[in-house]
Amino acid sequence: MCYTFVRGIKMKISEPKIKNCELSSFSECIKNEKFNKVKIRENSSVVFDLTDYTFDECVFENIDFSNIEISDISLMDVRFTNCDLSNKRFNDTFLTRVIFENCKLTGLTFIDSHLKDIKVISSVGLYLNVAETNINNIEIEDSDLTEATFNMSNLNNAVLNNVNLTKSVFLGCNLKDANFSTSIINGISFDVKSLNGIIINRMDAGNIVSMFNVKVRD
C-alpha cells in the first residue's frame, strides 16, 4: 500500500460554460423538446420524466427534483444551486462541467456513469452511492458525505477540502492521488486497492494503519 502526507490543495476544474440563459420552465422546455441555454427557478407539481434528455448550458435554482425522473441523461455545462436531488438516480449518465452548490444530495446514486470536471460545494450527500463510475477532475468542498459508498469506481484527480467522510466506504476503487488530507475520515473504510496512493495527513495515518490490524510502536 502507498499513501502520501500533504496539505490540502486546490485543483483547476473547468467551470460550466454558460452564457445568455433565458428564464424558462420544465413544461416549456419539454414542449420545445430541449433544455438548452435556460435558467429554471420555478418548481412544478407535475411529474416529469426527463429520461434520455440532454441538458446543455442550464442553470437550476431552488428546484426540488422529487417529481422529476432524470435517469439516462447527459449534463454539459450545468449549475445546480440550492436544489434538492435527494434519492435521484444518475444511472448511465454523462456529466461534464457541472457544479452542485448548497444542494441536498442525500441518497443520490451514480451507477455506470461518467463524470468530468465536477464541483460539489457546501452540499449534503449523506448515503451517496457511487458504483462502477469513472470520475475525472472532481473537487468537493465544505460538504457532508457521511456514510457514502464508493464501489468499483475510478476517481482521478480528486480533491476533498473539508469534507465529512465519517463511516464512508471505498471498495475496489482507484483513488491514486485522491487528497483526503483536510477531510474528516473517522470510521472510514478502505480495502487495499482503494488505499493505494491516497493522500492523507499525519494525524490520520494511525487510523488508516489500524484498519489492517497493524500496530505502531515508538
C-alpha atoms as a PDB file:
ATOM      1  CA  MET A   1       0.000   0.000   0.000  1.00  0.00           C
ATOM      2  CA  CYS A   2       1.080   3.575  -0.573  1.00  0.00           C
ATOM      3  CA  TYR A   3      -0.166   6.841   0.816  1.00  0.00           C
ATOM      4  CA  THR A   4       1.288  10.338   0.943  1.00  0.00           C
ATOM      5  CA  PHE A   5       1.157  13.158   3.503  1.00  0.00           C
ATOM      6  CA  VAL A   6       0.469  16.635   2.120  1.00  0.00           C
ATOM      7  CA  ARG A   7      -1.526  19.698   2.946  1.00  0.00           C
ATOM      8  CA  GLY A   8      -4.822  20.447   1.251  1.00  0.00           C
ATOM      9  CA  ILE A   9      -4.509  21.680  -2.309  1.00  0.00           C
ATOM     10  CA  LYS A  10      -6.656  23.386  -4.876  1.00  0.00           C
ATOM     11  CA  MET A  11      -7.178  21.901  -8.298  1.00  0.00           C
ATOM     12  CA  LYS A  12      -8.060  23.567 -11.546  1.00  0.00           C
ATOM     13  CA  ILE A  13     -11.532  22.467 -12.598  1.00  0.00           C
ATOM     14  CA  SER A  14     -13.075  23.610 -15.874  1.00  0.00           C
ATOM     15  CA  GLU A  15     -16.187  25.578 -14.905  1.00  0.00           C
ATOM     16  CA  PRO A  16     -19.508  25.370 -16.762  1.00  0.00           C
ATOM     17  CA  LYS A  17     -19.558  27.446 -19.934  1.00  0.00           C
ATOM     18  CA  ILE A  18     -22.908  29.146 -19.504  1.00  0.00           C
ATOM     19  CA  LYS A  19     -23.874  32.293 -21.404  1.00  0.00           C
ATOM     20  CA  ASN A  20     -27.112  34.119 -22.182  1.00  0.00           C
ATOM     21  CA  CYS A  21     -29.513  31.748 -20.466  1.00  0.00           C
ATOM     22  CA  GLU A  22     -33.200  32.613 -20.756  1.00  0.00           C
ATOM     23  CA  LEU A  23     -35.640  32.158 -17.910  1.00  0.00           C
ATOM     24  CA  SER A  24     -37.836  29.167 -18.659  1.00  0.00           C
ATOM     25  CA  SER A  25     -39.757  26.263 -17.058  1.00  0.00           C
ATOM     26  CA  PHE A  26     -39.769  22.482 -17.243  1.00  0.00           C
ATOM     27  CA  SER A  27     -43.050  22.433 -19.156  1.00  0.00           C
ATOM     28  CA  GLU A  28     -41.759  24.967 -21.682  1.00  0.00           C
ATOM     29  CA  CYS A  29     -38.531  23.043 -22.268  1.00  0.00           C
ATOM     30  CA  ILE A  30     -40.406  19.777 -22.727  1.00  0.00           C
ATOM     31  CA  LYS A  31     -42.725  21.491 -25.167  1.00  0.00           C
ATOM     32  CA  ASN A  32     -39.668  22.654 -27.129  1.00  0.00           C
ATOM     33  CA  GLU A  33     -38.092  19.208 -26.714  1.00  0.00           C
ATOM     34  CA  LYS A  34     -34.813  20.604 -25.442  1.00  0.00           C
ATOM     35  CA  PHE A  35     -33.027  22.005 -22.393  1.00  0.00           C
ATOM     36  CA  ASN A  36     -30.520  24.444 -23.835  1.00  0.00           C
ATOM     37  CA  LYS A  37     -29.374  27.842 -22.534  1.00  0.00           C
ATOM     38  CA  VAL A  38     -32.156  28.031 -19.954  1.00  0.00           C
ATOM     39  CA  LYS A  39     -32.452  29.055 -16.317  1.00  0.00           C
ATOM     40  CA  ILE A  40     -35.205  27.358 -14.324  1.00  0.00           C
ATOM     41  CA  ARG A  41     -36.244  28.707 -10.936  1.00  0.00           C
ATOM     42  CA  GLU A  42     -39.850  27.555 -10.668  1.00  0.00           C
ATOM     43  CA  ASN A  43     -40.806  24.222  -9.129  1.00  0.00           C
ATOM     44  CA  SER A  44     -43.533  22.143 -10.694  1.00  0.00           C
ATOM     45  CA  SER A  45     -46.200  19.987  -9.040  1.00  0.00           C
ATOM     46  CA  VAL A  46     -46.443  17.965 -12.267  1.00  0.00           C
ATOM     47  CA  VAL A  47     -44.493  14.729 -12.533  1.00  0.00           C
ATOM     48  CA  PHE A  48     -41.982  14.876 -15.401  1.00  0.00           C
ATOM     49  CA  ASP A  49     -39.986  12.062 -16.967  1.00  0.00           C
ATOM     50  CA  LEU A  50     -36.807  13.545 -18.447  1.00  0.00           C
ATOM     51  CA  THR A  51     -35.168  10.200 -19.265  1.00  0.00           C
ATOM     52  CA  ASP A  52     -32.743  10.411 -22.204  1.00  0.00           C
ATOM     53  CA  TYR A  53     -32.749  14.225 -22.268  1.00  0.00           C
ATOM     54  CA  THR A  54     -29.592  16.261 -22.809  1.00  0.00           C
ATOM     55  CA  PHE A  55     -29.066  19.389 -20.692  1.00  0.00           C
ATOM     56  CA  ASP A  56     -26.687  21.918 -22.210  1.00  0.00           C
ATOM     57  CA  GLU A  57     -25.837  25.291 -20.622  1.00  0.00           C
ATOM     58  CA  CYS A  58     -28.550  25.154 -17.963  1.00  0.00           C
ATOM     59  CA  VAL A  59     -28.965  26.698 -14.532  1.00  0.00           C
ATOM     60  CA  PHE A  60     -31.317  25.260 -11.915  1.00  0.00           C
ATOM     61  CA  GLU A  61     -32.024  27.342  -8.828  1.00  0.00           C
ATOM     62  CA  ASN A  62     -34.118  26.339  -5.798  1.00  0.00           C
ATOM     63  CA  ILE A  63     -35.556  23.312  -7.595  1.00  0.00           C
ATOM     64  CA  ASP A  64     -36.924  20.245  -5.819  1.00  0.00           C
ATOM     65  CA  PHE A  65     -36.447  17.298  -8.181  1.00  0.00           C
ATOM     66  CA  SER A  66     -38.701  14.945  -6.205  1.00  0.00           C
ATOM     67  CA  ASN A  67     -41.282  14.768  -9.016  1.00  0.00           C
ATOM     68  CA  ILE A  68     -38.731  14.594 -11.822  1.00  0.00           C
ATOM     69  CA  GLU A  69     -37.217  11.404 -13.266  1.00  0.00           C
ATOM     70  CA  ILE A  70     -33.713  12.112 -14.581  1.00  0.00           C
ATOM     71  CA  SER A  71     -32.136   8.722 -15.406  1.00  0.00           C
ATOM     72  CA  ASP A  72     -30.025   8.143 -18.521  1.00  0.00           C
ATOM     73  CA  ILE A  73     -29.418  11.840 -19.123  1.00  0.00           C
ATOM     74  CA  SER A  74     -26.454  13.926 -20.222  1.00  0.00           C
ATOM     75  CA  LEU A  75     -25.418  17.116 -18.440  1.00  0.00           C
ATOM     76  CA  MET A  76     -22.955  19.520 -20.017  1.00  0.00           C
ATOM     77  CA  ASP A  77     -22.233  22.964 -18.578  1.00  0.00           C
ATOM     78  CA  VAL A  78     -24.872  22.837 -15.857  1.00  0.00           C
ATOM     79  CA  ARG A  79     -25.144  24.502 -12.455  1.00  0.00           C
ATOM     80  CA  PHE A  80     -27.419  23.386  -9.604  1.00  0.00           C
ATOM     81  CA  THR A  81     -27.839  25.922  -6.791  1.00  0.00           C
ATOM     82  CA  ASN A  82     -29.968  25.296  -3.686  1.00  0.00           C
ATOM     83  CA  CYS A  83     -31.533  22.253  -5.338  1.00  0.00           C
ATOM     84  CA  ASP A  84     -32.839  19.036  -3.792  1.00  0.00           C
ATOM     85  CA  LEU A  85     -31.660  15.975  -5.713  1.00  0.00           C
ATOM     86  CA  SER A  86     -32.096  13.539  -2.839  1.00  0.00           C
ATOM     87  CA  ASN A  87     -32.563   9.899  -3.823  1.00  0.00           C
ATOM     88  CA  LYS A  88     -32.233  10.644  -7.536  1.00  0.00           C
ATOM     89  CA  ARG A  89     -30.549   8.054  -9.742  1.00  0.00           C
ATOM     90  CA  PHE A  90     -27.933   9.203 -12.229  1.00  0.00           C
ATOM     91  CA  ASN A  91     -27.548   5.811 -13.891  1.00  0.00           C
ATOM     92  CA  ASP A  92     -25.729   5.503 -17.214  1.00  0.00           C
ATOM     93  CA  THR A  93     -25.292   9.274 -17.121  1.00  0.00           C
ATOM     94  CA  PHE A  94     -22.680  11.645 -18.550  1.00  0.00           C
ATOM     95  CA  LEU A  95     -21.814  14.813 -16.608  1.00  0.00           C
ATOM     96  CA  THR A  96     -19.275  17.353 -17.873  1.00  0.00           C
ATOM     97  CA  ARG A  97     -18.525  20.712 -16.218  1.00  0.00           C
ATOM     98  CA  VAL A  98     -21.250  20.519 -13.593  1.00  0.00           C
ATOM     99  CA  ILE A  99     -21.486  22.367 -10.263  1.00  0.00           C
ATOM    100  CA  PHE A 100     -23.645  21.393  -7.283  1.00  0.00           C
ATOM    101  CA  GLU A 101     -23.726  24.260  -4.778  1.00  0.00           C
ATOM    102  CA  ASN A 102     -25.617  24.223  -1.495  1.00  0.00           C
ATOM    103  CA  CYS A 103     -27.599  21.198  -2.687  1.00  0.00           C
ATOM    104  CA  LYS A 104     -29.266  18.271  -0.948  1.00  0.00           C
ATOM    105  CA  LEU A 105     -27.729  15.118  -2.421  1.00  0.00           C
ATOM    106  CA  THR A 106     -28.733  12.603   0.247  1.00  0.00           C
ATOM    107  CA  GLY A 107     -29.079   9.119  -1.204  1.00  0.00           C
ATOM    108  CA  LEU A 108     -28.023  10.300  -4.666  1.00  0.00           C
ATOM    109  CA  THR A 109     -26.816   7.401  -6.824  1.00  0.00           C
ATOM    110  CA  PHE A 110     -24.323   7.260  -9.687  1.00  0.00           C
ATOM    111  CA  ILE A 111     -24.096   3.836 -11.358  1.00  0.00           C
ATOM    112  CA  ASP A 112     -22.156   3.122 -14.546  1.00  0.00           C
ATOM    113  CA  SER A 113     -21.768   6.854 -15.163  1.00  0.00           C
ATOM    114  CA  HIS A 114     -19.037   9.174 -16.414  1.00  0.00           C
ATOM    115  CA  LEU A 115     -18.225  12.457 -14.662  1.00  0.00           C
ATOM    116  CA  LYS A 116     -15.654  15.067 -15.643  1.00  0.00           C
ATOM    117  CA  ASP A 117     -14.843  18.489 -14.169  1.00  0.00           C
ATOM    118  CA  ILE A 118     -17.280  18.359 -11.253  1.00  0.00           C
ATOM    119  CA  LYS A 119     -17.563  20.669  -8.241  1.00  0.00           C
ATOM    120  CA  VAL A 120     -19.603  19.972  -5.125  1.00  0.00           C
ATOM    121  CA  ILE A 121     -19.739  22.953  -2.779  1.00  0.00           C
ATOM    122  CA  SER A 122     -21.425  23.261   0.643  1.00  0.00           C
ATOM    123  CA  SER A 123     -23.727  20.335  -0.061  1.00  0.00           C
ATOM    124  CA  VAL A 124     -25.115  17.407   1.925  1.00  0.00           C
ATOM    125  CA  GLY A 125     -24.646  13.974   0.366  1.00  0.00           C
ATOM    126  CA  LEU A 126     -25.314  11.506   3.169  1.00  0.00           C
ATOM    127  CA  TYR A 127     -25.511   7.899   1.921  1.00  0.00           C
ATOM    128  CA  LEU A 128     -24.257   8.917  -1.522  1.00  0.00           C
ATOM    129  CA  ASN A 129     -23.808   5.786  -3.632  1.00  0.00           C
ATOM    130  CA  VAL A 130     -21.233   5.648  -6.453  1.00  0.00           C
ATOM    131  CA  ALA A 131     -20.673   2.365  -8.279  1.00  0.00           C
ATOM    132  CA  GLU A 132     -18.799   1.382 -11.450  1.00  0.00           C
ATOM    133  CA  THR A 133     -18.376   5.051 -12.302  1.00  0.00           C
ATOM    134  CA  ASN A 134     -15.449   6.950 -13.818  1.00  0.00           C
ATOM    135  CA  ILE A 135     -14.759  10.388 -12.345  1.00  0.00           C
ATOM    136  CA  ASN A 136     -12.097  12.692 -13.766  1.00  0.00           C
ATOM    137  CA  ASN A 137     -11.308  16.002 -12.053  1.00  0.00           C
ATOM    138  CA  ILE A 138     -13.590  16.480  -9.071  1.00  0.00           C
ATOM    139  CA  GLU A 139     -13.383  18.921  -6.176  1.00  0.00           C
ATOM    140  CA  ILE A 140     -15.669  18.532  -3.177  1.00  0.00           C
ATOM    141  CA  GLU A 141     -15.567  21.359  -0.652  1.00  0.00           C
ATOM    142  CA  ASP A 142     -17.246  22.058   2.705  1.00  0.00           C
ATOM    143  CA  SER A 143     -19.685  19.179   2.234  1.00  0.00           C
ATOM    144  CA  ASP A 144     -21.040  16.245   4.234  1.00  0.00           C
ATOM    145  CA  LEU A 145     -20.699  12.783   2.673  1.00  0.00           C
ATOM    146  CA  THR A 146     -21.243  10.797   5.863  1.00  0.00           C
ATOM    147  CA  GLU A 147     -21.735   7.073   5.182  1.00  0.00           C
ATOM    148  CA  ALA A 148     -21.199   7.464   1.441  1.00  0.00           C
ATOM    149  CA  THR A 149     -20.260   4.350  -0.528  1.00  0.00           C
ATOM    150  CA  PHE A 150     -17.848   4.216  -3.471  1.00  0.00           C
ATOM    151  CA  ASN A 151     -17.660   0.824  -5.139  1.00  0.00           C
ATOM    152  CA  MET A 152     -15.546  -0.296  -8.117  1.00  0.00           C
ATOM    153  CA  SER A 153     -15.083   3.304  -9.294  1.00  0.00           C
ATOM    154  CA  ASN A 154     -12.201   5.462 -10.524  1.00  0.00           C
ATOM    155  CA  LEU A 155     -11.581   8.911  -9.023  1.00  0.00           C
ATOM    156  CA  ASN A 156      -8.825  10.596 -10.995  1.00  0.00           C
ATOM    157  CA  ASN A 157      -7.590  13.987  -9.784  1.00  0.00           C
ATOM    158  CA  ALA A 158      -9.904  14.123  -6.771  1.00  0.00           C
ATOM    159  CA  VAL A 159      -9.554  16.786  -4.081  1.00  0.00           C
ATOM    160  CA  LEU A 160     -11.742  16.812  -0.979  1.00  0.00           C
ATOM    161  CA  ASN A 161     -11.445  20.006   1.051  1.00  0.00           C
ATOM    162  CA  ASN A 162     -13.102  19.983   4.466  1.00  0.00           C
ATOM    163  CA  VAL A 163     -15.412  17.077   3.634  1.00  0.00           C
ATOM    164  CA  ASN A 164     -17.056  14.919   6.290  1.00  0.00           C
ATOM    165  CA  LEU A 165     -16.456  11.319   5.200  1.00  0.00           C
ATOM    166  CA  THR A 166     -17.299   9.710   8.531  1.00  0.00           C
ATOM    167  CA  LYS A 167     -18.090   6.000   8.125  1.00  0.00           C
ATOM    168  CA  SER A 168     -17.776   6.197   4.349  1.00  0.00           C
ATOM    169  CA  VAL A 169     -16.677   3.105   2.436  1.00  0.00           C
ATOM    170  CA  PHE A 170     -14.328   2.714  -0.548  1.00  0.00           C
ATOM    171  CA  LEU A 171     -14.156  -0.747  -2.123  1.00  0.00           C
ATOM    172  CA  GLY A 172     -12.309  -1.744  -5.279  1.00  0.00           C
ATOM    173  CA  CYS A 173     -11.653   1.885  -6.227  1.00  0.00           C
ATOM    174  CA  ASN A 174      -8.758   3.595  -7.975  1.00  0.00           C
ATOM    175  CA  LEU A 175      -8.010   6.581  -5.720  1.00  0.00           C
ATOM    176  CA  LYS A 176      -4.402   7.285  -6.645  1.00  0.00           C
ATOM    177  CA  ASP A 177      -3.515  10.864  -5.587  1.00  0.00           C
ATOM    178  CA  ALA A 178      -7.014  11.478  -4.176  1.00  0.00           C
ATOM    179  CA  ASN A 179      -6.466  14.088  -1.467  1.00  0.00           C
ATOM    180  CA  PHE A 180      -8.170  13.359   1.881  1.00  0.00           C
ATOM    181  CA  SER A 181      -5.736  15.451   3.928  1.00  0.00           C
ATOM    182  CA  THR A 182      -8.173  18.161   5.068  1.00  0.00           C
ATOM    183  CA  SER A 183     -11.234  15.963   5.478  1.00  0.00           C
ATOM    184  CA  ILE A 184     -12.830  14.103   8.377  1.00  0.00           C
ATOM    185  CA  ILE A 185     -12.308  10.377   7.895  1.00  0.00           C
ATOM    186  CA  ASN A 186     -13.358   8.966  11.266  1.00  0.00           C
ATOM    187  CA  GLY A 187     -14.563   5.390  10.849  1.00  0.00           C
ATOM    188  CA  ILE A 188     -13.812   5.406   7.119  1.00  0.00           C
ATOM    189  CA  SER A 189     -13.155   2.048   5.419  1.00  0.00           C
ATOM    190  CA  PHE A 190     -10.806   1.242   2.551  1.00  0.00           C
ATOM    191  CA  ASP A 191      -9.864  -2.071   1.012  1.00  0.00           C
ATOM    192  CA  VAL A 192      -6.235  -2.489  -0.032  1.00  0.00           C
ATOM    193  CA  LYS A 193      -6.844  -1.483  -3.650  1.00  0.00           C
ATOM    194  CA  SER A 194      -8.657   1.722  -2.694  1.00  0.00           C
ATOM    195  CA  LEU A 195      -5.959   2.706  -0.211  1.00  0.00           C
ATOM    196  CA  ASN A 196      -3.162   2.616  -2.781  1.00  0.00           C
ATOM    197  CA  GLY A 197      -1.795   6.091  -3.488  1.00  0.00           C
ATOM    198  CA  ILE A 198      -4.243   8.170  -1.431  1.00  0.00           C
ATOM    199  CA  ILE A 199      -3.112  11.413   0.217  1.00  0.00           C
ATOM    200  CA  ILE A 200      -3.789  11.847   3.945  1.00  0.00           C
ATOM    201  CA  ASN A 201      -2.470  13.926   6.833  1.00  0.00           C
ATOM    202  CA  ARG A 202      -0.172  12.509   9.508  1.00  0.00           C
ATOM    203  CA  MET A 203      -2.853  12.637  12.201  1.00  0.00           C
ATOM    204  CA  ASP A 204      -4.970  10.105  10.285  1.00  0.00           C
ATOM    205  CA  ALA A 205      -2.139   7.719   9.465  1.00  0.00           C
ATOM    206  CA  GLY A 206      -2.601   5.690  12.644  1.00  0.00           C
ATOM    207  CA  ASN A 207      -6.296   5.154  11.951  1.00  0.00           C
ATOM    208  CA  ILE A 208      -5.568   4.007   8.412  1.00  0.00           C
ATOM    209  CA  VAL A 209      -2.914   1.550   9.559  1.00  0.00           C
ATOM    210  CA  SER A 210      -5.208   0.147  12.263  1.00  0.00           C
ATOM    211  CA  MET A 211      -7.702  -0.969   9.596  1.00  0.00           C
ATOM    212  CA  PHE A 212      -5.252  -3.749   8.750  1.00  0.00           C
ATOM    213  CA  ASN A 213      -4.563  -4.715  12.379  1.00  0.00           C
ATOM    214  CA  VAL A 214      -1.108  -3.137  12.240  1.00  0.00           C
ATOM    215  CA  LYS A 215       0.248  -1.767  15.496  1.00  0.00           C
ATOM    216  CA  VAL A 216       2.761   1.078  15.593  1.00  0.00           C
ATOM    217  CA  ARG A 217       5.284   1.359  18.433  1.00  0.00           C
ATOM    218  CA  ASP A 218       7.638   4.180  19.238  1.00  0.00           C
END
